[in-house]
Amino acid sequence: MLIGSHTAEESKRLFRERKEKVVRGINLVDGIRIRHISKEDLEDLKTWPFPLRRSATELISSRMFVLEKRINVENGQSFDLHKTMQNIILSLRLLKSGAVFGSYVFSILMSKKRQMTSMYYEEDRPRTGFGTYTLDFEEVPGLRRLIRKIQGIDFSKRKSLDLACRRFQRAYEEKDAEDRLIDLMIAFEALFLKGEKGVPSKGEVIAVACSVLLGKNEERRQEIKRTLSEAYSIRNSIVHGSEYSRIESDSKGEVYVDTLPDLVSKVEDYLRESIKKLLD
């Protein structure tokens, strides 16, 4: 939707230009484009000589997008498609919240006649519990910077950051809010405790460290501390099989609301911003 000072005619022109740009593809990094999935892509799936799992063909639709990288195999050019795709998915998730999943890698021979030569896919990922993801054109430069940072990191030498990113990614695979919270808090432990054992008051250490990292003023820092302290307390209750309160009612006791998903969403946002701050 285009709003503001544009006339109706200008809005139509901008919408048409942006739609064409999305169909052609937007360059992200290292010759990789993100573009709208094409009719040719969908036809390649139908003509694949080996039977696909039913879920693969059901999950891929004309509403989706693909990451495209053209490789000159005659010159011996090699490229780790799956690793790069996962790095870009991580970058998209770190940029903002919302449902972003990438589980399929196709190799297509670009000759006179297109021919899909291989396919790789991970286990199905849950598609529920996350809001819609909308990438604005104005956000593309920031996304490019994130991708370059992540592509340039040797995670084997930054094990705490590696574990935090892996747990952040894994939280997207979980359907249950409790499981997501456990993954997110493990990621926080990796970031701020760095595997140290015997640390007293781990929840307090994490809450204070994150509030200092992200809080721009005292009010904001106190808010972050309260949220993460509560989250860590609930996490402990979950892993130790203890009861905790996650249902609130109104003053009349008539409306009951599950507060855990909202808390988990806030924790995810704090983790997202913390990881971005610590990428450098």
C-alpha atoms as a PDB file:
ATOM      1  CA  MET A   1       0.000   0.000   0.000  1.00  0.00           C
ATOM      2  CA  LEU A   2       1.322   3.438  -0.983  1.00  0.00           C
ATOM      3  CA  ILE A   3       0.047   6.352   1.057  1.00  0.00           C
ATOM      4  CA  GLY A   4       1.072   9.947   1.638  1.00  0.00           C
ATOM      5  CA  SER A   5       1.438  12.769  -0.891  1.00  0.00           C
ATOM      6  CA  HIS A   6       1.299  10.527  -3.997  1.00  0.00           C
ATOM      7  CA  THR A   7      -1.506  11.040  -6.471  1.00  0.00           C
ATOM      8  CA  ALA A   8      -3.535   8.053  -7.613  1.00  0.00           C
ATOM      9  CA  GLU A   9      -1.592   7.931 -10.884  1.00  0.00           C
ATOM     10  CA  GLU A  10       1.781   8.148  -9.112  1.00  0.00           C
ATOM     11  CA  SER A  11       0.748   5.385  -6.731  1.00  0.00           C
ATOM     12  CA  LYS A  12      -0.192   3.117  -9.645  1.00  0.00           C
ATOM     13  CA  ARG A  13       3.142   3.811 -11.335  1.00  0.00           C
ATOM     14  CA  LEU A  14       5.147   3.111  -8.158  1.00  0.00           C
ATOM     15  CA  PHE A  15       3.170  -0.059  -7.477  1.00  0.00           C
ATOM     16  CA  ARG A  16       3.756  -1.279 -11.038  1.00  0.00           C
ATOM     17  CA  GLU A  17       7.504  -0.493 -10.876  1.00  0.00           C
ATOM     18  CA  ARG A  18       7.917  -2.227  -7.540  1.00  0.00           C
ATOM     19  CA  LYS A  19       5.955  -5.258  -8.659  1.00  0.00           C
ATOM     20  CA  GLU A  20       8.167  -5.582 -11.739  1.00  0.00           C
ATOM     21  CA  LYS A  21      11.260  -5.183  -9.563  1.00  0.00           C
ATOM     22  CA  VAL A  22      10.133  -7.983  -7.264  1.00  0.00           C
ATOM     23  CA  VAL A  23       9.459 -10.275 -10.241  1.00  0.00           C
ATOM     24  CA  ARG A  24      12.916  -9.559 -11.756  1.00  0.00           C
ATOM     25  CA  GLY A  25      14.615  -9.904  -8.410  1.00  0.00           C
ATOM     26  CA  ILE A  26      16.442  -7.674  -5.930  1.00  0.00           C
ATOM     27  CA  ASN A  27      20.188  -8.138  -5.584  1.00  0.00           C
ATOM     28  CA  LEU A  28      21.188  -8.901  -1.999  1.00  0.00           C
ATOM     29  CA  VAL A  29      24.841  -9.959  -1.877  1.00  0.00           C
ATOM     30  CA  ASP A  30      27.402 -11.925  -3.940  1.00  0.00           C
ATOM     31  CA  GLY A  31      25.128 -12.198  -6.974  1.00  0.00           C
ATOM     32  CA  ILE A  32      22.213 -13.581  -4.976  1.00  0.00           C
ATOM     33  CA  ARG A  33      18.768 -12.247  -5.809  1.00  0.00           C
ATOM     34  CA  ILE A  34      15.493 -12.531  -3.988  1.00  0.00           C
ATOM     35  CA  ARG A  35      12.583 -12.684  -6.371  1.00  0.00           C
ATOM     36  CA  HIS A  36       9.004 -13.830  -6.660  1.00  0.00           C
ATOM     37  CA  ILE A  37       8.711 -17.517  -7.530  1.00  0.00           C
ATOM     38  CA  SER A  38       7.963 -17.905 -11.244  1.00  0.00           C
ATOM     39  CA  LYS A  39       5.751 -20.188 -13.306  1.00  0.00           C
ATOM     40  CA  GLU A  40       8.923 -21.795 -14.644  1.00  0.00           C
ATOM     41  CA  ASP A  41      10.025 -22.650 -11.102  1.00  0.00           C
ATOM     42  CA  LEU A  42       6.706 -24.341 -10.389  1.00  0.00           C
ATOM     43  CA  GLU A  43       6.859 -26.229 -13.706  1.00  0.00           C
ATOM     44  CA  ASP A  44      10.332 -27.503 -12.791  1.00  0.00           C
ATOM     45  CA  LEU A  45       8.816 -29.147  -9.732  1.00  0.00           C
ATOM     46  CA  LYS A  46       6.247 -30.924 -11.881  1.00  0.00           C
ATOM     47  CA  THR A  47       8.836 -32.195 -14.356  1.00  0.00           C
ATOM     48  CA  TRP A  48      11.312 -33.432 -11.705  1.00  0.00           C
ATOM     49  CA  PRO A  49      12.022 -37.051 -12.791  1.00  0.00           C
ATOM     50  CA  PHE A  50      11.908 -38.434  -9.253  1.00  0.00           C
ATOM     51  CA  PRO A  51       8.842 -38.366  -7.012  1.00  0.00           C
ATOM     52  CA  LEU A  52       8.780 -35.544  -4.464  1.00  0.00           C
ATOM     53  CA  ARG A  53       7.384 -35.819  -1.010  1.00  0.00           C
ATOM     54  CA  ARG A  54       3.783 -34.655  -1.075  1.00  0.00           C
ATOM     55  CA  SER A  55       4.507 -31.963   1.535  1.00  0.00           C
ATOM     56  CA  ALA A  56       7.157 -30.386  -0.701  1.00  0.00           C
ATOM     57  CA  THR A  57       4.772 -29.698  -3.568  1.00  0.00           C
ATOM     58  CA  GLU A  58       1.997 -28.628  -1.197  1.00  0.00           C
ATOM     59  CA  LEU A  59       4.138 -26.097   0.670  1.00  0.00           C
ATOM     60  CA  ILE A  60       5.525 -24.360  -2.420  1.00  0.00           C
ATOM     61  CA  SER A  61       3.105 -21.932  -4.022  1.00  0.00           C
ATOM     62  CA  SER A  62       3.025 -18.954  -6.384  1.00  0.00           C
ATOM     63  CA  ARG A  63       2.896 -16.606  -3.372  1.00  0.00           C
ATOM     64  CA  MET A  64       6.407 -17.486  -2.241  1.00  0.00           C
ATOM     65  CA  PHE A  65       9.844 -16.075  -2.978  1.00  0.00           C
ATOM     66  CA  VAL A  66      13.120 -17.697  -3.958  1.00  0.00           C
ATOM     67  CA  LEU A  67      16.784 -16.875  -3.483  1.00  0.00           C
ATOM     68  CA  GLU A  68      18.594 -17.268  -6.795  1.00  0.00           C
ATOM     69  CA  LYS A  69      22.307 -17.700  -7.463  1.00  0.00           C
ATOM     70  CA  ARG A  70      23.626 -18.428 -10.955  1.00  0.00           C
ATOM     71  CA  ILE A  71      26.802 -20.516 -11.000  1.00  0.00           C
ATOM     72  CA  ASN A  72      29.115 -21.180 -13.952  1.00  0.00           C
ATOM     73  CA  VAL A  73      29.895 -24.863 -13.409  1.00  0.00           C
ATOM     74  CA  GLU A  74      32.075 -24.986 -16.528  1.00  0.00           C
ATOM     75  CA  ASN A  75      34.609 -22.756 -14.778  1.00  0.00           C
ATOM     76  CA  GLY A  76      34.586 -24.990 -11.720  1.00  0.00           C
ATOM     77  CA  GLN A  77      32.793 -22.399  -9.607  1.00  0.00           C
ATOM     78  CA  SER A  78      31.554 -23.853  -6.342  1.00  0.00           C
ATOM     79  CA  PHE A  79      29.057 -22.428  -3.908  1.00  0.00           C
ATOM     80  CA  ASP A  80      27.527 -23.655  -0.649  1.00  0.00           C
ATOM     81  CA  LEU A  81      23.891 -23.005  -1.482  1.00  0.00           C
ATOM     82  CA  HIS A  82      22.398 -24.366   1.707  1.00  0.00           C
ATOM     83  CA  LYS A  83      24.732 -22.497   4.075  1.00  0.00           C
ATOM     84  CA  THR A  84      24.181 -19.233   2.223  1.00  0.00           C
ATOM     85  CA  MET A  85      20.406 -19.701   2.233  1.00  0.00           C
ATOM     86  CA  GLN A  86      20.438 -20.306   5.984  1.00  0.00           C
ATOM     87  CA  ASN A  87      22.614 -17.216   6.528  1.00  0.00           C
ATOM     88  CA  ILE A  88      20.136 -15.109   4.576  1.00  0.00           C
ATOM     89  CA  ILE A  89      17.197 -16.602   6.490  1.00  0.00           C
ATOM     90  CA  LEU A  90      19.010 -15.740   9.746  1.00  0.00           C
ATOM     91  CA  SER A  91      19.580 -12.196   8.465  1.00  0.00           C
ATOM     92  CA  LEU A  92      15.902 -11.782   7.594  1.00  0.00           C
ATOM     93  CA  ARG A  93      14.895 -13.028  11.045  1.00  0.00           C
ATOM     94  CA  LEU A  94      17.367 -10.726  12.776  1.00  0.00           C
ATOM     95  CA  LEU A  95      16.175  -7.759  10.737  1.00  0.00           C
ATOM     96  CA  LYS A  96      12.634  -7.967  12.113  1.00  0.00           C
ATOM     97  CA  SER A  97      10.062 -10.373  13.515  1.00  0.00           C
ATOM     98  CA  GLY A  98       7.664 -12.419  11.425  1.00  0.00           C
ATOM     99  CA  ALA A  99       7.336 -15.784   9.717  1.00  0.00           C
ATOM    100  CA  VAL A 100      10.408 -16.490   7.562  1.00  0.00           C
ATOM    101  CA  PHE A 101      11.275 -20.056   6.563  1.00  0.00           C
ATOM    102  CA  GLY A 102      13.584 -21.539   3.964  1.00  0.00           C
ATOM    103  CA  SER A 103      13.829 -25.295   3.668  1.00  0.00           C
ATOM    104  CA  TYR A 104      14.377 -26.146   0.009  1.00  0.00           C
ATOM    105  CA  VAL A 105      17.385 -25.886  -2.303  1.00  0.00           C
ATOM    106  CA  PHE A 106      16.976 -26.643  -6.013  1.00  0.00           C
ATOM    107  CA  SER A 107      19.761 -27.031  -8.551  1.00  0.00           C
ATOM    108  CA  ILE A 108      18.614 -26.191 -12.069  1.00  0.00           C
ATOM    109  CA  LEU A 109      20.702 -26.619 -15.214  1.00  0.00           C
ATOM    110  CA  MET A 110      20.369 -23.343 -17.136  1.00  0.00           C
ATOM    111  CA  SER A 111      20.778 -24.594 -20.710  1.00  0.00           C
ATOM    112  CA  LYS A 112      18.528 -24.081 -23.726  1.00  0.00           C
ATOM    113  CA  LYS A 113      15.932 -26.024 -21.812  1.00  0.00           C
ATOM    114  CA  ARG A 114      15.763 -25.693 -18.034  1.00  0.00           C
ATOM    115  CA  GLN A 115      16.294 -28.943 -16.188  1.00  0.00           C
ATOM    116  CA  MET A 116      16.141 -29.428 -12.436  1.00  0.00           C
ATOM    117  CA  THR A 117      19.062 -31.668 -11.507  1.00  0.00           C
ATOM    118  CA  SER A 118      18.767 -32.040  -7.730  1.00  0.00           C
ATOM    119  CA  MET A 119      16.784 -31.031  -4.682  1.00  0.00           C
ATOM    120  CA  TYR A 120      17.532 -30.715  -0.978  1.00  0.00           C
ATOM    121  CA  TYR A 121      15.048 -30.053   1.798  1.00  0.00           C
ATOM    122  CA  GLU A 122      14.966 -30.013   5.578  1.00  0.00           C
ATOM    123  CA  GLU A 123      12.212 -31.259   7.820  1.00  0.00           C
ATOM    124  CA  ASP A 124       8.974 -29.310   7.611  1.00  0.00           C
ATOM    125  CA  ARG A 125       8.900 -26.163   9.705  1.00  0.00           C
ATOM    126  CA  PRO A 126       5.801 -24.990  11.591  1.00  0.00           C
ATOM    127  CA  ARG A 127       4.108 -22.047   9.900  1.00  0.00           C
ATOM    128  CA  THR A 128       1.901 -20.958  12.799  1.00  0.00           C
ATOM    129  CA  GLY A 129       2.454 -18.632  15.739  1.00  0.00           C
ATOM    130  CA  PHE A 130       4.357 -15.965  13.828  1.00  0.00           C
ATOM    131  CA  GLY A 131       3.115 -12.731  12.320  1.00  0.00           C
ATOM    132  CA  THR A 132       3.285 -11.868   8.627  1.00  0.00           C
ATOM    133  CA  TYR A 133       6.738 -10.850   7.386  1.00  0.00           C
ATOM    134  CA  THR A 134       6.830  -7.854   5.042  1.00  0.00           C
ATOM    135  CA  LEU A 135      10.184  -6.683   3.694  1.00  0.00           C
ATOM    136  CA  ASP A 136      10.012  -3.020   2.657  1.00  0.00           C
ATOM    137  CA  PHE A 137      12.244  -1.739  -0.143  1.00  0.00           C
ATOM    138  CA  GLU A 138      13.713   0.790   2.294  1.00  0.00           C
ATOM    139  CA  GLU A 139      14.895  -2.095   4.508  1.00  0.00           C
ATOM    140  CA  VAL A 140      16.941  -3.822   1.790  1.00  0.00           C
ATOM    141  CA  PRO A 141      20.193  -1.864   2.466  1.00  0.00           C
ATOM    142  CA  GLY A 142      20.023  -2.837   6.146  1.00  0.00           C
ATOM    143  CA  LEU A 143      19.388  -6.455   5.167  1.00  0.00           C
ATOM    144  CA  ARG A 144      22.423  -6.400   2.875  1.00  0.00           C
ATOM    145  CA  ARG A 145      24.613  -5.151   5.730  1.00  0.00           C
ATOM    146  CA  LEU A 146      23.355  -7.934   8.012  1.00  0.00           C
ATOM    147  CA  ILE A 147      24.005 -10.613   5.387  1.00  0.00           C
ATOM    148  CA  ARG A 148      27.560  -9.366   4.803  1.00  0.00           C
ATOM    149  CA  LYS A 149      28.260  -9.405   8.540  1.00  0.00           C
ATOM    150  CA  ILE A 150      26.951 -12.927   8.989  1.00  0.00           C
ATOM    151  CA  GLN A 151      28.671 -14.238   5.854  1.00  0.00           C
ATOM    152  CA  GLY A 152      31.947 -12.799   7.165  1.00  0.00           C
ATOM    153  CA  ILE A 153      31.779 -14.398  10.634  1.00  0.00           C
ATOM    154  CA  ASP A 154      33.754 -17.536  11.389  1.00  0.00           C
ATOM    155  CA  PHE A 155      31.283 -19.075  13.822  1.00  0.00           C
ATOM    156  CA  SER A 156      33.755 -21.853  14.694  1.00  0.00           C
ATOM    157  CA  LYS A 157      35.808 -19.178  16.470  1.00  0.00           C
ATOM    158  CA  ARG A 158      32.814 -17.485  18.107  1.00  0.00           C
ATOM    159  CA  LYS A 159      31.118 -20.438  19.745  1.00  0.00           C
ATOM    160  CA  SER A 160      28.916 -18.425  22.117  1.00  0.00           C
ATOM    161  CA  LEU A 161      27.523 -16.362  19.248  1.00  0.00           C
ATOM    162  CA  ASP A 162      27.115 -19.527  17.177  1.00  0.00           C
ATOM    163  CA  LEU A 163      25.073 -21.229  19.911  1.00  0.00           C
ATOM    164  CA  ALA A 164      22.955 -18.099  20.426  1.00  0.00           C
ATOM    165  CA  CYS A 165      22.156 -17.884  16.708  1.00  0.00           C
ATOM    166  CA  ARG A 166      21.383 -21.596  16.466  1.00  0.00           C
ATOM    167  CA  ARG A 167      18.988 -21.441  19.421  1.00  0.00           C
ATOM    168  CA  PHE A 168      17.419 -18.266  18.020  1.00  0.00           C
ATOM    169  CA  GLN A 169      16.852 -20.155  14.759  1.00  0.00           C
ATOM    170  CA  ARG A 170      15.565 -23.235  16.556  1.00  0.00           C
ATOM    171  CA  ALA A 171      12.940 -21.167  18.385  1.00  0.00           C
ATOM    172  CA  TYR A 172      11.288 -20.645  14.981  1.00  0.00           C
ATOM    173  CA  GLU A 173      10.851 -24.406  14.681  1.00  0.00           C
ATOM    174  CA  GLU A 174       8.947 -24.739  17.951  1.00  0.00           C
ATOM    175  CA  LYS A 175       5.156 -24.579  18.000  1.00  0.00           C
ATOM    176  CA  ASP A 176       4.810 -24.364  21.778  1.00  0.00           C
ATOM    177  CA  ALA A 177       5.526 -21.069  23.591  1.00  0.00           C
ATOM    178  CA  GLU A 178       7.244 -22.885  26.469  1.00  0.00           C
ATOM    179  CA  ASP A 179       9.686 -24.628  24.112  1.00  0.00           C
ATOM    180  CA  ARG A 180      10.389 -21.342  22.337  1.00  0.00           C
ATOM    181  CA  LEU A 181      11.123 -19.640  25.660  1.00  0.00           C
ATOM    182  CA  ILE A 182      13.597 -22.367  26.647  1.00  0.00           C
ATOM    183  CA  ASP A 183      15.495 -21.950  23.368  1.00  0.00           C
ATOM    184  CA  LEU A 184      15.553 -18.163  23.681  1.00  0.00           C
ATOM    185  CA  MET A 185      16.856 -18.238  27.248  1.00  0.00           C
ATOM    186  CA  ILE A 186      19.579 -20.739  26.287  1.00  0.00           C
ATOM    187  CA  ALA A 187      20.602 -18.250  23.601  1.00  0.00           C
ATOM    188  CA  PHE A 188      20.761 -15.480  26.223  1.00  0.00           C
ATOM    189  CA  GLU A 189      22.923 -17.691  28.446  1.00  0.00           C
ATOM    190  CA  ALA A 190      25.299 -18.256  25.528  1.00  0.00           C
ATOM    191  CA  LEU A 191      25.541 -14.529  24.803  1.00  0.00           C
ATOM    192  CA  PHE A 192      26.007 -13.199  28.311  1.00  0.00           C
ATOM    193  CA  LEU A 193      27.320 -16.140  30.378  1.00  0.00           C
ATOM    194  CA  LYS A 194      29.478 -17.661  27.610  1.00  0.00           C
ATOM    195  CA  GLY A 195      29.354 -21.162  29.053  1.00  0.00           C
ATOM    196  CA  GLU A 196      30.608 -20.180  32.497  1.00  0.00           C
ATOM    197  CA  LYS A 197      29.461 -22.616  35.175  1.00  0.00           C
ATOM    198  CA  GLY A 198      28.539 -21.877  38.746  1.00  0.00           C
ATOM    199  CA  VAL A 199      27.375 -18.345  38.003  1.00  0.00           C
ATOM    200  CA  PRO A 200      25.006 -17.273  40.808  1.00  0.00           C
ATOM    201  CA  SER A 201      21.730 -15.589  39.875  1.00  0.00           C
ATOM    202  CA  LYS A 202      22.038 -16.329  36.145  1.00  0.00           C
ATOM    203  CA  GLY A 203      18.697 -14.701  35.421  1.00  0.00           C
ATOM    204  CA  GLU A 204      19.764 -11.483  37.116  1.00  0.00           C
ATOM    205  CA  VAL A 205      23.088 -11.421  35.269  1.00  0.00           C
ATOM    206  CA  ILE A 206      21.314 -11.848  31.918  1.00  0.00           C
ATOM    207  CA  ALA A 207      18.662  -9.238  32.750  1.00  0.00           C
ATOM    208  CA  VAL A 208      21.227  -6.627  33.815  1.00  0.00           C
ATOM    209  CA  ALA A 209      23.612  -7.325  30.920  1.00  0.00           C
ATOM    210  CA  CYS A 210      20.860  -7.077  28.299  1.00  0.00           C
ATOM    211  CA  SER A 211      19.384  -3.941  29.867  1.00  0.00           C
ATOM    212  CA  VAL A 212      22.788  -2.239  29.747  1.00  0.00           C
ATOM    213  CA  LEU A 213      23.318  -3.337  26.141  1.00  0.00           C
ATOM    214  CA  LEU A 214      19.909  -2.249  24.818  1.00  0.00           C
ATOM    215  CA  GLY A 215      18.474   0.264  27.288  1.00  0.00           C
ATOM    216  CA  LYS A 216      18.769   3.872  26.115  1.00  0.00           C
ATOM    217  CA  ASN A 217      17.491   5.289  29.402  1.00  0.00           C
ATOM    218  CA  GLU A 218      16.762   4.137  32.941  1.00  0.00           C
ATOM    219  CA  GLU A 219      13.072   3.518  32.273  1.00  0.00           C
ATOM    220  CA  ARG A 220      13.881   1.289  29.312  1.00  0.00           C
ATOM    221  CA  ARG A 221      16.575  -0.580  31.236  1.00  0.00           C
ATOM    222  CA  GLN A 222      14.180  -1.311  34.104  1.00  0.00           C
ATOM    223  CA  GLU A 223      11.565  -2.590  31.649  1.00  0.00           C
ATOM    224  CA  ILE A 224      14.074  -4.977  30.046  1.00  0.00           C
ATOM    225  CA  LYS A 225      15.267  -6.200  33.460  1.00  0.00           C
ATOM    226  CA  ARG A 226      11.723  -6.891  34.657  1.00  0.00           C
ATOM    227  CA  THR A 227      10.767  -8.755  31.481  1.00  0.00           C
ATOM    228  CA  LEU A 228      13.871 -10.961  31.357  1.00  0.00           C
ATOM    229  CA  SER A 229      13.806 -11.662  35.093  1.00  0.00           C
ATOM    230  CA  GLU A 230      10.217 -12.865  34.777  1.00  0.00           C
ATOM    231  CA  ALA A 231      11.075 -14.874  31.654  1.00  0.00           C
ATOM    232  CA  TYR A 232      14.025 -16.597  33.326  1.00  0.00           C
ATOM    233  CA  SER A 233      11.925 -17.432  36.373  1.00  0.00           C
ATOM    234  CA  ILE A 234       9.257 -19.014  34.168  1.00  0.00           C
ATOM    235  CA  ARG A 235      11.937 -20.849  32.193  1.00  0.00           C
ATOM    236  CA  ASN A 236      13.228 -22.375  35.442  1.00  0.00           C
ATOM    237  CA  SER A 237       9.717 -23.439  36.404  1.00  0.00           C
ATOM    238  CA  ILE A 238       9.241 -25.118  33.026  1.00  0.00           C
ATOM    239  CA  VAL A 239      12.499 -27.089  33.025  1.00  0.00           C
ATOM    240  CA  HIS A 240      12.065 -28.148  36.665  1.00  0.00           C
ATOM    241  CA  GLY A 241       8.423 -29.144  36.269  1.00  0.00           C
ATOM    242  CA  SER A 242       7.128 -26.476  38.659  1.00  0.00           C
ATOM    243  CA  GLU A 243       3.856 -24.619  38.385  1.00  0.00           C
ATOM    244  CA  TYR A 244       3.777 -20.994  37.292  1.00  0.00           C
ATOM    245  CA  SER A 245       1.096 -18.465  36.429  1.00  0.00           C
ATOM    246  CA  ARG A 246       0.500 -17.654  32.763  1.00  0.00           C
ATOM    247  CA  ILE A 247      -3.234 -16.925  32.753  1.00  0.00           C
ATOM    248  CA  GLU A 248      -4.625 -13.508  33.690  1.00  0.00           C
ATOM    249  CA  SER A 249      -8.252 -12.468  34.100  1.00  0.00           C
ATOM    250  CA  ASP A 250      -9.994  -9.122  34.186  1.00  0.00           C
ATOM    251  CA  SER A 251     -11.249  -7.492  37.383  1.00  0.00           C
ATOM    252  CA  LYS A 252     -14.481  -9.491  37.131  1.00  0.00           C
ATOM    253  CA  GLY A 253     -12.636 -12.759  36.587  1.00  0.00           C
ATOM    254  CA  GLU A 254     -14.532 -13.348  33.339  1.00  0.00           C
ATOM    255  CA  VAL A 255     -11.886 -12.888  30.627  1.00  0.00           C
ATOM    256  CA  TYR A 256      -8.874 -15.188  30.723  1.00  0.00           C
ATOM    257  CA  VAL A 257      -5.782 -14.386  28.656  1.00  0.00           C
ATOM    258  CA  ASP A 258      -2.671 -16.498  28.094  1.00  0.00           C
ATOM    259  CA  THR A 259       0.161 -14.031  28.721  1.00  0.00           C
ATOM    260  CA  LEU A 260       3.061 -16.347  27.824  1.00  0.00           C
ATOM    261  CA  PRO A 261       3.053 -15.816  24.010  1.00  0.00           C
ATOM    262  CA  ASP A 262       3.313 -12.048  24.486  1.00  0.00           C
ATOM    263  CA  LEU A 263       6.174 -12.459  26.971  1.00  0.00           C
ATOM    264  CA  VAL A 264       8.000 -14.817  24.605  1.00  0.00           C
ATOM    265  CA  SER A 265       7.574 -12.296  21.776  1.00  0.00           C
ATOM    266  CA  LYS A 266       9.226  -9.569  23.884  1.00  0.00           C
ATOM    267  CA  VAL A 267      12.062 -11.896  24.868  1.00  0.00           C
ATOM    268  CA  GLU A 268      12.594 -12.771  21.198  1.00  0.00           C
ATOM    269  CA  ASP A 269      12.815  -9.077  20.315  1.00  0.00           C
ATOM    270  CA  TYR A 270      15.422  -8.470  23.042  1.00  0.00           C
ATOM    271  CA  LEU A 271      17.443 -11.444  21.830  1.00  0.00           C
ATOM    272  CA  ARG A 272      17.193 -10.277  18.222  1.00  0.00           C
ATOM    273  CA  GLU A 273      18.528  -6.831  19.094  1.00  0.00           C
ATOM    274  CA  SER A 274      21.240  -8.267  21.365  1.00  0.00           C
ATOM    275  CA  ILE A 275      22.568 -10.576  18.652  1.00  0.00           C
ATOM    276  CA  LYS A 276      22.671  -7.712  16.150  1.00  0.00           C
ATOM    277  CA  LYS A 277      24.589  -5.553  18.620  1.00  0.00           C
ATOM    278  CA  LEU A 278      27.131  -8.326  19.229  1.00  0.00           C
ATOM    279  CA  LEU A 279      27.721  -9.287  15.564  1.00  0.00           C
ATOM    280  CA  ASP A 280      30.601  -6.820  15.274  1.00  0.00           C
END
